[in-house]
PDB file of N, CA and C in Angstrom:
ATOM      1  N   MET A   1       8.326   5.224  -2.008  1.00  0.00           N
ATOM      2  CA  MET A   1       7.342   4.321  -1.429  1.00  0.00           C
ATOM      3  C   MET A   1       6.839   4.962  -0.152  1.00  0.00           C
ATOM      4  N   GLY A   2       5.647   5.500  -0.216  1.00  0.00           N
ATOM      5  CA  GLY A   2       5.092   6.153   0.958  1.00  0.00           C
ATOM      6  C   GLY A   2       3.881   5.426   1.500  1.00  0.00           C
ATOM      7  N   PRO A   3       3.228   6.026   2.485  1.00  0.00           N
ATOM      8  CA  PRO A   3       2.105   5.358   3.126  1.00  0.00           C
ATOM      9  C   PRO A   3       0.923   5.104   2.196  1.00  0.00           C
ATOM     10  N   GLY A   4       0.690   5.981   1.236  1.00  0.00           N
ATOM     11  CA  GLY A   4      -0.421   5.783   0.303  1.00  0.00           C
ATOM     12  C   GLY A   4      -0.216   4.557  -0.575  1.00  0.00           C
ATOM     13  N   LYS A   5       0.978   4.400  -1.083  1.00  0.00           N
ATOM     14  CA  LYS A   5       1.268   3.226  -1.908  1.00  0.00           C
ATOM     15  C   LYS A   5       1.257   1.962  -1.068  1.00  0.00           C
ATOM     16  N   ALA A   6       1.745   2.050   0.154  1.00  0.00           N
ATOM     17  CA  ALA A   6       1.696   0.885   1.050  1.00  0.00           C
ATOM     18  C   ALA A   6       0.242   0.523   1.349  1.00  0.00           C
ATOM     19  N   GLN A   7      -0.608   1.525   1.562  1.00  0.00           N
ATOM     20  CA  GLN A   7      -2.023   1.259   1.798  1.00  0.00           C
ATOM     21  C   GLN A   7      -2.640   0.583   0.579  1.00  0.00           C
ATOM     22  N   LEU A   8      -2.295   1.049  -0.614  1.00  0.00           N
ATOM     23  CA  LEU A   8      -2.804   0.452  -1.843  1.00  0.00           C
ATOM     24  C   LEU A   8      -2.376  -1.013  -1.944  1.00  0.00           C
ATOM     25  N   LEU A   9      -1.118  -1.300  -1.656  1.00  0.00           N
ATOM     26  CA  LEU A   9      -0.656  -2.691  -1.675  1.00  0.00           C
ATOM     27  C   LEU A   9      -1.436  -3.535  -0.673  1.00  0.00           C
ATOM     28  N   GLY A  10      -1.633  -3.002   0.517  1.00  0.00           N
ATOM     29  CA  GLY A  10      -2.358  -3.738   1.543  1.00  0.00           C
ATOM     30  C   GLY A  10      -3.787  -4.045   1.127  1.00  0.00           C
ATOM     31  N   LEU A  11      -4.437  -3.080   0.502  1.00  0.00           N
ATOM     32  CA  LEU A  11      -5.821  -3.283   0.078  1.00  0.00           C
ATOM     33  C   LEU A  11      -5.911  -4.238  -1.111  1.00  0.00           C
ATOM     34  N   ILE A  12      -4.934  -4.203  -1.991  1.00  0.00           N
ATOM     35  CA  ILE A  12      -4.901  -5.180  -3.089  1.00  0.00           C
ATOM     36  C   ILE A  12      -4.742  -6.579  -2.510  1.00  0.00           C
ATOM     37  N   ALA A  13      -3.847  -6.715  -1.531  1.00  0.00           N
ATOM     38  CA  ALA A  13      -3.650  -8.020  -0.895  1.00  0.00           C
ATOM     39  C   ALA A  13      -4.937  -8.486  -0.220  1.00  0.00           C
ATOM     40  N   GLU A  14      -5.636  -7.563   0.419  1.00  0.00           N
ATOM     41  CA  GLU A  14      -6.848  -7.900   1.174  1.00  0.00           C
ATOM     42  C   GLU A  14      -8.030  -8.224   0.263  1.00  0.00           C
ATOM     43  N   THR A  15      -8.190  -7.453  -0.815  1.00  0.00           N
ATOM     44  CA  THR A  15      -9.382  -7.582  -1.653  1.00  0.00           C
ATOM     45  C   THR A  15      -9.174  -8.440  -2.896  1.00  0.00           C
ATOM     46  N   GLY A  16      -7.936  -8.565  -3.347  1.00  0.00           N
ATOM     47  CA  GLY A  16      -7.681  -9.292  -4.586  1.00  0.00           C
ATOM     48  C   GLY A  16      -8.133  -8.543  -5.823  1.00  0.00           C
ATOM     49  N   SER A  17      -8.299  -7.229  -5.673  1.00  0.00           N
ATOM     50  CA  SER A  17      -8.845  -6.431  -6.766  1.00  0.00           C
ATOM     51  C   SER A  17      -8.356  -4.993  -6.673  1.00  0.00           C
ATOM     52  N   LEU A  18      -7.854  -4.472  -7.784  1.00  0.00           N
ATOM     53  CA  LEU A  18      -7.475  -3.061  -7.811  1.00  0.00           C
ATOM     54  C   LEU A  18      -8.723  -2.190  -7.714  1.00  0.00           C
ATOM     55  N   SER A  19      -9.786  -2.581  -8.395  1.00  0.00           N
ATOM     56  CA  SER A  19     -11.034  -1.793  -8.338  1.00  0.00           C
ATOM     57  C   SER A  19     -11.580  -1.710  -6.917  1.00  0.00           C
ATOM     58  N   ASP A  20     -11.581  -2.831  -6.209  1.00  0.00           N
ATOM     59  CA  ASP A  20     -12.072  -2.807  -4.826  1.00  0.00           C
ATOM     60  C   ASP A  20     -11.152  -1.995  -3.929  1.00  0.00           C
ATOM     61  N   ALA A  21      -9.851  -2.092  -4.149  1.00  0.00           N
ATOM     62  CA  ALA A  21      -8.896  -1.297  -3.370  1.00  0.00           C
ATOM     63  C   ALA A  21      -9.141   0.189  -3.597  1.00  0.00           C
ATOM     64  N   VAL A  22      -9.385   0.558  -4.848  1.00  0.00           N
ATOM     65  CA  VAL A  22      -9.644   1.961  -5.209  1.00  0.00           C
ATOM     66  C   VAL A  22     -10.895   2.473  -4.495  1.00  0.00           C
ATOM     67  N   ARG A  23     -11.944   1.666  -4.486  1.00  0.00           N
ATOM     68  CA  ARG A  23     -13.175   2.087  -3.815  1.00  0.00           C
ATOM     69  C   ARG A  23     -12.941   2.286  -2.318  1.00  0.00           C
ATOM     70  N   ARG A  24     -12.169   1.402  -1.717  1.00  0.00           N
ATOM     71  CA  ARG A  24     -11.907   1.509  -0.278  1.00  0.00           C
ATOM     72  C   ARG A  24     -11.044   2.727   0.041  1.00  0.00           C
ATOM     73  N   MET A  25     -10.172   3.108  -0.885  1.00  0.00           N
ATOM     74  CA  MET A  25      -9.303   4.269  -0.666  1.00  0.00           C
ATOM     75  C   MET A  25      -9.987   5.570  -1.070  1.00  0.00           C
ATOM     76  N   ASP A  26     -11.090   5.464  -1.785  1.00  0.00           N
ATOM     77  CA  ASP A  26     -11.789   6.640  -2.302  1.00  0.00           C
ATOM     78  C   ASP A  26     -10.859   7.469  -3.180  1.00  0.00           C
ATOM     79  N   THR A  27     -10.255   6.806  -4.156  1.00  0.00           N
ATOM     80  CA  THR A  27      -9.381   7.469  -5.115  1.00  0.00           C
ATOM     81  C   THR A  27      -9.776   7.014  -6.511  1.00  0.00           C
ATOM     82  N   SER A  28      -9.156   7.563  -7.540  1.00  0.00           N
ATOM     83  CA  SER A  28      -9.510   7.182  -8.906  1.00  0.00           C
ATOM     84  C   SER A  28      -8.741   5.932  -9.336  1.00  0.00           C
ATOM     85  N   TYR A  29      -9.378   5.168 -10.206  1.00  0.00           N
ATOM     86  CA  TYR A  29      -8.745   3.958 -10.730  1.00  0.00           C
ATOM     87  C   TYR A  29      -7.465   4.319 -11.474  1.00  0.00           C
ATOM     88  N   ASN A  30      -7.523   5.377 -12.289  1.00  0.00           N
ATOM     89  CA  ASN A  30      -6.348   5.772 -13.078  1.00  0.00           C
ATOM     90  C   ASN A  30      -5.175   6.145 -12.180  1.00  0.00           C
ATOM     91  N   ARG A  31      -5.458   6.855 -11.116  1.00  0.00           N
ATOM     92  CA  ARG A  31      -4.391   7.240 -10.183  1.00  0.00           C
ATOM     93  C   ARG A  31      -3.781   5.997  -9.532  1.00  0.00           C
ATOM     94  N   ALA A  32      -4.632   5.082  -9.090  1.00  0.00           N
ATOM     95  CA  ALA A  32      -4.134   3.857  -8.459  1.00  0.00           C
ATOM     96  C   ALA A  32      -3.343   3.019  -9.458  1.00  0.00           C
ATOM     97  N   TRP A  33      -3.852   2.908 -10.688  1.00  0.00           N
ATOM     98  CA  TRP A  33      -3.149   2.126 -11.698  1.00  0.00           C
ATOM     99  C   TRP A  33      -1.772   2.743 -11.971  1.00  0.00           C
ATOM    100  N   LEU A  34      -1.695   4.065 -12.004  1.00  0.00           N
ATOM    101  CA  LEU A  34      -0.411   4.730 -12.207  1.00  0.00           C
ATOM    102  C   LEU A  34       0.547   4.395 -11.063  1.00  0.00           C
ATOM    103  N   HIS A  35       0.052   4.397  -9.828  1.00  0.00           N
ATOM    104  CA  HIS A  35       0.890   4.033  -8.686  1.00  0.00           C
ATOM    105  C   HIS A  35       1.400   2.595  -8.822  1.00  0.00           C
ATOM    106  N   VAL A  36       0.529   1.679  -9.228  1.00  0.00           N
ATOM    107  CA  VAL A  36       0.940   0.292  -9.419  1.00  0.00           C
ATOM    108  C   VAL A  36       2.010   0.207 -10.506  1.00  0.00           C
ATOM    109  N   LYS A  37       1.798   0.921 -11.600  1.00  0.00           N
ATOM    110  CA  LYS A  37       2.757   0.921 -12.707  1.00  0.00           C
ATOM    111  C   LYS A  37       4.122   1.429 -12.245  1.00  0.00           C
ATOM    112  N   VAL A  38       4.113   2.540 -11.513  1.00  0.00           N
ATOM    113  CA  VAL A  38       5.370   3.113 -11.012  1.00  0.00           C
ATOM    114  C   VAL A  38       6.057   2.155 -10.040  1.00  0.00           C
ATOM    115  N   MET A  39       5.279   1.550  -9.122  1.00  0.00           N
ATOM    116  CA  MET A  39       5.882   0.607  -8.180  1.00  0.00           C
ATOM    117  C   MET A  39       6.465  -0.597  -8.916  1.00  0.00           C
ATOM    118  N   ASN A  40       5.727  -1.129  -9.880  1.00  0.00           N
ATOM    119  CA  ASN A  40       6.226  -2.291 -10.623  1.00  0.00           C
ATOM    120  C   ASN A  40       7.507  -1.972 -11.391  1.00  0.00           C
ATOM    121  N   GLU A  41       7.626  -0.747 -11.876  1.00  0.00           N
ATOM    122  CA  GLU A  41       8.808  -0.349 -12.639  1.00  0.00           C
ATOM    123  C   GLU A  41       9.969   0.076 -11.744  1.00  0.00           C
ATOM    124  N   SER A  42       9.687   0.417 -10.489  1.00  0.00           N
ATOM    125  CA  SER A  42      10.718   0.949  -9.596  1.00  0.00           C
ATOM    126  C   SER A  42      11.490  -0.128  -8.845  1.00  0.00           C
ATOM    127  N   PHE A  43      10.932  -1.307  -8.746  1.00  0.00           N
ATOM    128  CA  PHE A  43      11.587  -2.387  -8.020  1.00  0.00           C
ATOM    129  C   PHE A  43      12.171  -3.391  -9.008  1.00  0.00           C
ATOM    130  N   ALA A  44      13.128  -4.178  -8.532  1.00  0.00           N
ATOM    131  CA  ALA A  44      13.788  -5.160  -9.384  1.00  0.00           C
ATOM    132  C   ALA A  44      12.793  -6.163  -9.956  1.00  0.00           C
ATOM    133  N   GLU A  45      11.734  -6.447  -9.211  1.00  0.00           N
ATOM    134  CA  GLU A  45      10.668  -7.342  -9.672  1.00  0.00           C
ATOM    135  C   GLU A  45       9.339  -6.649  -9.423  1.00  0.00           C
ATOM    136  N   PRO A  46       8.321  -6.946 -10.231  1.00  0.00           N
ATOM    137  CA  PRO A  46       7.005  -6.323 -10.023  1.00  0.00           C
ATOM    138  C   PRO A  46       6.454  -6.648  -8.634  1.00  0.00           C
ATOM    139  N   LEU A  47       5.641  -5.732  -8.111  1.00  0.00           N
ATOM    140  CA  LEU A  47       5.010  -5.919  -6.813  1.00  0.00           C
ATOM    141  C   LEU A  47       3.585  -6.440  -6.946  1.00  0.00           C
ATOM    142  N   VAL A  48       2.944  -6.125  -8.084  1.00  0.00           N
ATOM    143  CA  VAL A  48       1.539  -6.474  -8.288  1.00  0.00           C
ATOM    144  C   VAL A  48       1.379  -7.209  -9.613  1.00  0.00           C
ATOM    145  N   ASN A  49       0.659  -8.328  -9.566  1.00  0.00           N
ATOM    146  CA  ASN A  49       0.206  -9.024 -10.772  1.00  0.00           C
ATOM    147  C   ASN A  49      -1.246  -8.649 -10.974  1.00  0.00           C
ATOM    148  N   SER A  50      -1.634  -8.422 -12.223  1.00  0.00           N
ATOM    149  CA  SER A  50      -3.036  -8.112 -12.472  1.00  0.00           C
ATOM    150  C   SER A  50      -3.501  -8.845 -13.718  1.00  0.00           C
ATOM    151  N   THR A  51      -4.805  -9.145 -13.718  1.00  0.00           N
ATOM    152  CA  THR A  51      -5.443  -9.726 -14.890  1.00  0.00           C
ATOM    153  C   THR A  51      -6.617  -8.848 -15.251  1.00  0.00           C
ATOM    154  N   ARG A  52      -6.867  -8.724 -16.526  1.00  0.00           N
ATOM    155  CA  ARG A  52      -7.946  -7.844 -17.001  1.00  0.00           C
ATOM    156  C   ARG A  52      -9.299  -8.376 -16.603  1.00  0.00           C
ATOM    157  N   GLY A  53     -10.210  -7.470 -16.447  1.00  0.00           N
ATOM    158  CA  GLY A  53     -11.589  -7.819 -16.098  1.00  0.00           C
ATOM    159  C   GLY A  53     -12.347  -8.381 -17.283  1.00  0.00           C
ATOM    160  N   GLY A  54     -13.621  -8.179 -17.282  1.00  0.00           N
ATOM    161  CA  GLY A  54     -14.472  -8.710 -18.337  1.00  0.00           C
ATOM    162  C   GLY A  54     -15.334  -9.828 -17.785  1.00  0.00           C
ATOM    163  N   THR A  55     -15.757 -10.720 -18.664  1.00  0.00           N
ATOM    164  CA  THR A  55     -16.671 -11.780 -18.235  1.00  0.00           C
ATOM    165  C   THR A  55     -16.015 -12.724 -17.245  1.00  0.00           C
ATOM    166  N   GLY A  56     -14.709 -12.930 -17.360  1.00  0.00           N
ATOM    167  CA  GLY A  56     -14.003 -13.823 -16.443  1.00  0.00           C
ATOM    168  C   GLY A  56     -13.580 -13.141 -15.161  1.00  0.00           C
ATOM    169  N   LYS A  57     -13.902 -11.864 -15.043  1.00  0.00           N
ATOM    170  CA  LYS A  57     -13.519 -11.058 -13.870  1.00  0.00           C
ATOM    171  C   LYS A  57     -12.005 -11.033 -13.697  1.00  0.00           C
ATOM    172  N   GLY A  58     -11.489  -9.870 -13.629  1.00  0.00           N
ATOM    173  CA  GLY A  58     -10.063  -9.693 -13.439  1.00  0.00           C
ATOM    174  C   GLY A  58      -9.710  -9.764 -11.971  1.00  0.00           C
ATOM    175  N   GLY A  59      -8.504  -9.394 -11.692  1.00  0.00           N
ATOM    176  CA  GLY A  59      -8.075  -9.388 -10.313  1.00  0.00           C
ATOM    177  C   GLY A  59      -6.670  -8.855 -10.203  1.00  0.00           C
ATOM    178  N   ALA A  60      -6.226  -8.690  -8.992  1.00  0.00           N
ATOM    179  CA  ALA A  60      -4.870  -8.227  -8.724  1.00  0.00           C
ATOM    180  C   ALA A  60      -4.386  -8.923  -7.463  1.00  0.00           C
ATOM    181  N   SER A  61      -3.119  -9.201  -7.439  1.00  0.00           N
ATOM    182  CA  SER A  61      -2.523  -9.834  -6.262  1.00  0.00           C
ATOM    183  C   SER A  61      -1.087  -9.371  -6.136  1.00  0.00           C
ATOM    184  N   LEU A  62      -0.561  -9.490  -4.930  1.00  0.00           N
ATOM    185  CA  LEU A  62       0.831  -9.135  -4.707  1.00  0.00           C
ATOM    186  C   LEU A  62       1.720 -10.310  -5.082  1.00  0.00           C
ATOM    187  N   THR A  63       2.847  -9.982  -5.657  1.00  0.00           N
ATOM    188  CA  THR A  63       3.868 -10.988  -5.904  1.00  0.00           C
ATOM    189  C   THR A  63       4.591 -11.259  -4.587  1.00  0.00           C
ATOM    190  N   ASP A  64       5.483 -12.213  -4.583  1.00  0.00           N
ATOM    191  CA  ASP A  64       6.287 -12.451  -3.381  1.00  0.00           C
ATOM    192  C   ASP A  64       7.036 -11.182  -2.989  1.00  0.00           C
ATOM    193  N   THR A  65       7.582 -10.493  -3.978  1.00  0.00           N
ATOM    194  CA  THR A  65       8.297  -9.241  -3.704  1.00  0.00           C
ATOM    195  C   THR A  65       7.333  -8.189  -3.168  1.00  0.00           C
ATOM    196  N   GLY A  66       6.137  -8.129  -3.713  1.00  0.00           N
ATOM    197  CA  GLY A  66       5.136  -7.185  -3.235  1.00  0.00           C
ATOM    198  C   GLY A  66       4.779  -7.428  -1.782  1.00  0.00           C
ATOM    199  N   ARG A  67       4.622  -8.701  -1.412  1.00  0.00           N
ATOM    200  CA  ARG A  67       4.320  -9.017  -0.008  1.00  0.00           C
ATOM    201  C   ARG A  67       5.491  -8.626   0.890  1.00  0.00           C
ATOM    202  N   GLN A  68       6.709  -8.843   0.414  1.00  0.00           N
ATOM    203  CA  GLN A  68       7.892  -8.487   1.202  1.00  0.00           C
ATOM    204  C   GLN A  68       7.974  -6.965   1.363  1.00  0.00           C
ATOM    205  N   VAL A  69       7.733  -6.222   0.294  1.00  0.00           N
ATOM    206  CA  VAL A  69       7.769  -4.755   0.364  1.00  0.00           C
ATOM    207  C   VAL A  69       6.693  -4.240   1.310  1.00  0.00           C
ATOM    208  N   LEU A  70       5.497  -4.806   1.242  1.00  0.00           N
ATOM    209  CA  LEU A  70       4.424  -4.387   2.145  1.00  0.00           C
ATOM    210  C   LEU A  70       4.816  -4.637   3.597  1.00  0.00           C
ATOM    211  N   GLU A  71       5.368  -5.785   3.877  1.00  0.00           N
ATOM    212  CA  GLU A  71       5.792  -6.100   5.249  1.00  0.00           C
ATOM    213  C   GLU A  71       6.876  -5.123   5.713  1.00  0.00           C
ATOM    214  N   LEU A  72       7.821  -4.789   4.848  1.00  0.00           N
ATOM    215  CA  LEU A  72       8.881  -3.844   5.212  1.00  0.00           C
ATOM    216  C   LEU A  72       8.308  -2.448   5.451  1.00  0.00           C
ATOM    217  N   CYS A  73       7.337  -2.037   4.657  1.00  0.00           N
ATOM    218  CA  CYS A  73       6.695  -0.729   4.865  1.00  0.00           C
ATOM    219  C   CYS A  73       5.978  -0.689   6.202  1.00  0.00           C
ATOM    220  N   ARG A  74       5.284  -1.759   6.517  1.00  0.00           N
ATOM    221  CA  ARG A  74       4.583  -1.813   7.810  1.00  0.00           C
ATOM    222  C   ARG A  74       5.583  -1.802   8.963  1.00  0.00           C
ATOM    223  N   ARG A  75       6.692  -2.481   8.786  1.00  0.00           N
ATOM    224  CA  ARG A  75       7.727  -2.483   9.822  1.00  0.00           C
ATOM    225  C   ARG A  75       8.309  -1.085   9.998  1.00  0.00           C
ATOM    226  N   LEU A  76       8.541  -0.387   8.891  1.00  0.00           N
ATOM    227  CA  LEU A  76       9.038   0.997   8.967  1.00  0.00           C
ATOM    228  C   LEU A  76       8.073   1.882   9.743  1.00  0.00           C
ATOM    229  N   GLU A  77       6.777   1.735   9.465  1.00  0.00           N
ATOM    230  CA  GLU A  77       5.778   2.543  10.173  1.00  0.00           C
ATOM    231  C   GLU A  77       5.803   2.242  11.666  1.00  0.00           C
ATOM    232  N   ASP A  78       5.897   0.970  12.027  1.00  0.00           N
ATOM    233  CA  ASP A  78       5.952   0.585  13.446  1.00  0.00           C
ATOM    234  C   ASP A  78       7.202   1.137  14.125  1.00  0.00           C
ATOM    235  N   GLU A  79       8.349   1.002  13.449  1.00  0.00           N
ATOM    236  CA  GLU A  79       9.605   1.498  14.020  1.00  0.00           C
ATOM    237  C   GLU A  79       9.583   3.010  14.177  1.00  0.00           C
ATOM    238  N   ALA A  80       9.019   3.707  13.197  1.00  0.00           N
ATOM    239  CA  ALA A  80       8.938   5.164  13.277  1.00  0.00           C
ATOM    240  C   ALA A  80       8.033   5.584  14.441  1.00  0.00           C
ATOM    241  N   ALA A  81       6.895   4.909  14.595  1.00  0.00           N
ATOM    242  CA  ALA A  81       5.977   5.230  15.689  1.00  0.00           C
ATOM    243  C   ALA A  81       6.651   5.018  17.043  1.00  0.00           C
ATOM    244  N   GLN A  82       7.409   3.946  17.181  1.00  0.00           N
ATOM    245  CA  GLN A  82       8.116   3.677  18.435  1.00  0.00           C
ATOM    246  C   GLN A  82       9.185   4.737  18.691  1.00  0.00           C
ATOM    247  N   ALA A  83       9.854   5.171  17.633  1.00  0.00           N
ATOM    248  CA  ALA A  83      10.939   6.139  17.784  1.00  0.00           C
ATOM    249  C   ALA A  83      10.445   7.498  18.252  1.00  0.00           C
ATOM    250  N   ILE A  84       9.228   7.863  17.898  1.00  0.00           N
ATOM    251  CA  ILE A  84       8.723   9.193  18.269  1.00  0.00           C
ATOM    252  C   ILE A  84       7.783   9.160  19.460  1.00  0.00           C
ATOM    253  N   ALA A  85       7.503   7.995  20.009  1.00  0.00           N
ATOM    254  CA  ALA A  85       6.507   7.877  21.080  1.00  0.00           C
ATOM    255  C   ALA A  85       6.828   8.753  22.287  1.00  0.00           C
ATOM    256  N   ALA A  86       8.068   8.738  22.759  1.00  0.00           N
ATOM    257  CA  ALA A  86       8.424   9.508  23.955  1.00  0.00           C
ATOM    258  C   ALA A  86       8.292  11.008  23.698  1.00  0.00           C
ATOM    259  N   THR A  87       8.758  11.462  22.560  1.00  0.00           N
ATOM    260  CA  THR A  87       8.655  12.882  22.225  1.00  0.00           C
ATOM    261  C   THR A  87       7.196  13.288  22.070  1.00  0.00           C
ATOM    262  N   ARG A  88       6.393  12.444  21.484  1.00  0.00           N
ATOM    263  CA  ARG A  88       4.970  12.729  21.332  1.00  0.00           C
ATOM    264  C   ARG A  88       4.288  12.858  22.688  1.00  0.00           C
ATOM    265  N   ARG A  89       4.646  11.980  23.641  1.00  0.00           N
ATOM    266  CA  ARG A  89       4.070  12.060  24.986  1.00  0.00           C
ATOM    267  C   ARG A  89       4.484  13.352  25.674  1.00  0.00           C
ATOM    268  N   THR A  90       5.739  13.731  25.533  1.00  0.00           N
ATOM    269  CA  THR A  90       6.239  14.979  26.139  1.00  0.00           C
ATOM    270  C   THR A  90       5.498  16.173  25.557  1.00  0.00           C
ATOM    271  N   LEU A  91       5.343  16.202  24.260  1.00  0.00           N
ATOM    272  CA  LEU A  91       4.647  17.284  23.609  1.00  0.00           C
ATOM    273  C   LEU A  91       3.180  17.334  24.061  1.00  0.00           C
ATOM    274  N   ALA A  92       2.548  16.185  24.126  1.00  0.00           N
ATOM    275  CA  ALA A  92       1.149  16.129  24.568  1.00  0.00           C
ATOM    276  C   ALA A  92       1.012  16.627  25.998  1.00  0.00           C
ATOM    277  N   GLY A  93       2.016  16.383  26.833  1.00  0.00           N
ATOM    278  CA  GLY A  93       1.994  16.834  28.221  1.00  0.00           C
ATOM    279  C   GLY A  93       2.062  18.341  28.344  1.00  0.00           C
ATOM    280  N   LEU A  94       2.524  19.027  27.339  1.00  0.00           N
ATOM    281  CA  LEU A  94       2.618  20.484  27.358  1.00  0.00           C
ATOM    282  C   LEU A  94       1.343  21.160  26.865  1.00  0.00           C
ATOM    283  N   MET A  95       0.426  20.370  26.374  1.00  0.00           N
ATOM    284  CA  MET A  95      -0.819  20.931  25.828  1.00  0.00           C
ATOM    285  C   MET A  95      -1.867  21.081  26.926  1.00  0.00           C
ATOM    286  N   LYS A  96      -2.856  21.898  26.683  1.00  0.00           N
ATOM    287  CA  LYS A  96      -3.956  22.099  27.629  1.00  0.00           C
ATOM    288  C   LYS A  96      -4.774  20.847  27.753  1.00  0.00           C
TER     289      LYS A  96
END
C-alpha cells in the first residue's frame, strides 16, 4: 500500500467514480482497476465497492474498511513527514 494507491482511494472517495479518479490522476483505467482489484484482494475485507456504468451510471465508493485504510495511510504520511522534518531542515541549511 503506497502513496499512489492511497491517492486513488482518496480520489474515489472524493469523486464517487473510478473513471473520474483516473482522469484526475492522469493514469489508465485498466491500471487503476488492477490496483483496486489488488487492494480488494489484499485486505481482509474489500476497500472499494463499484457498480458498472451504462445508462444508470456506475460508481465507486470506499467501504468502511477502505475509509479506515485511507485514514491510516494519511496518518502514516503525516507521521513520516514529522519524523524527517528536522533532518530535512538541517540538510536544506547546507544548501546554497
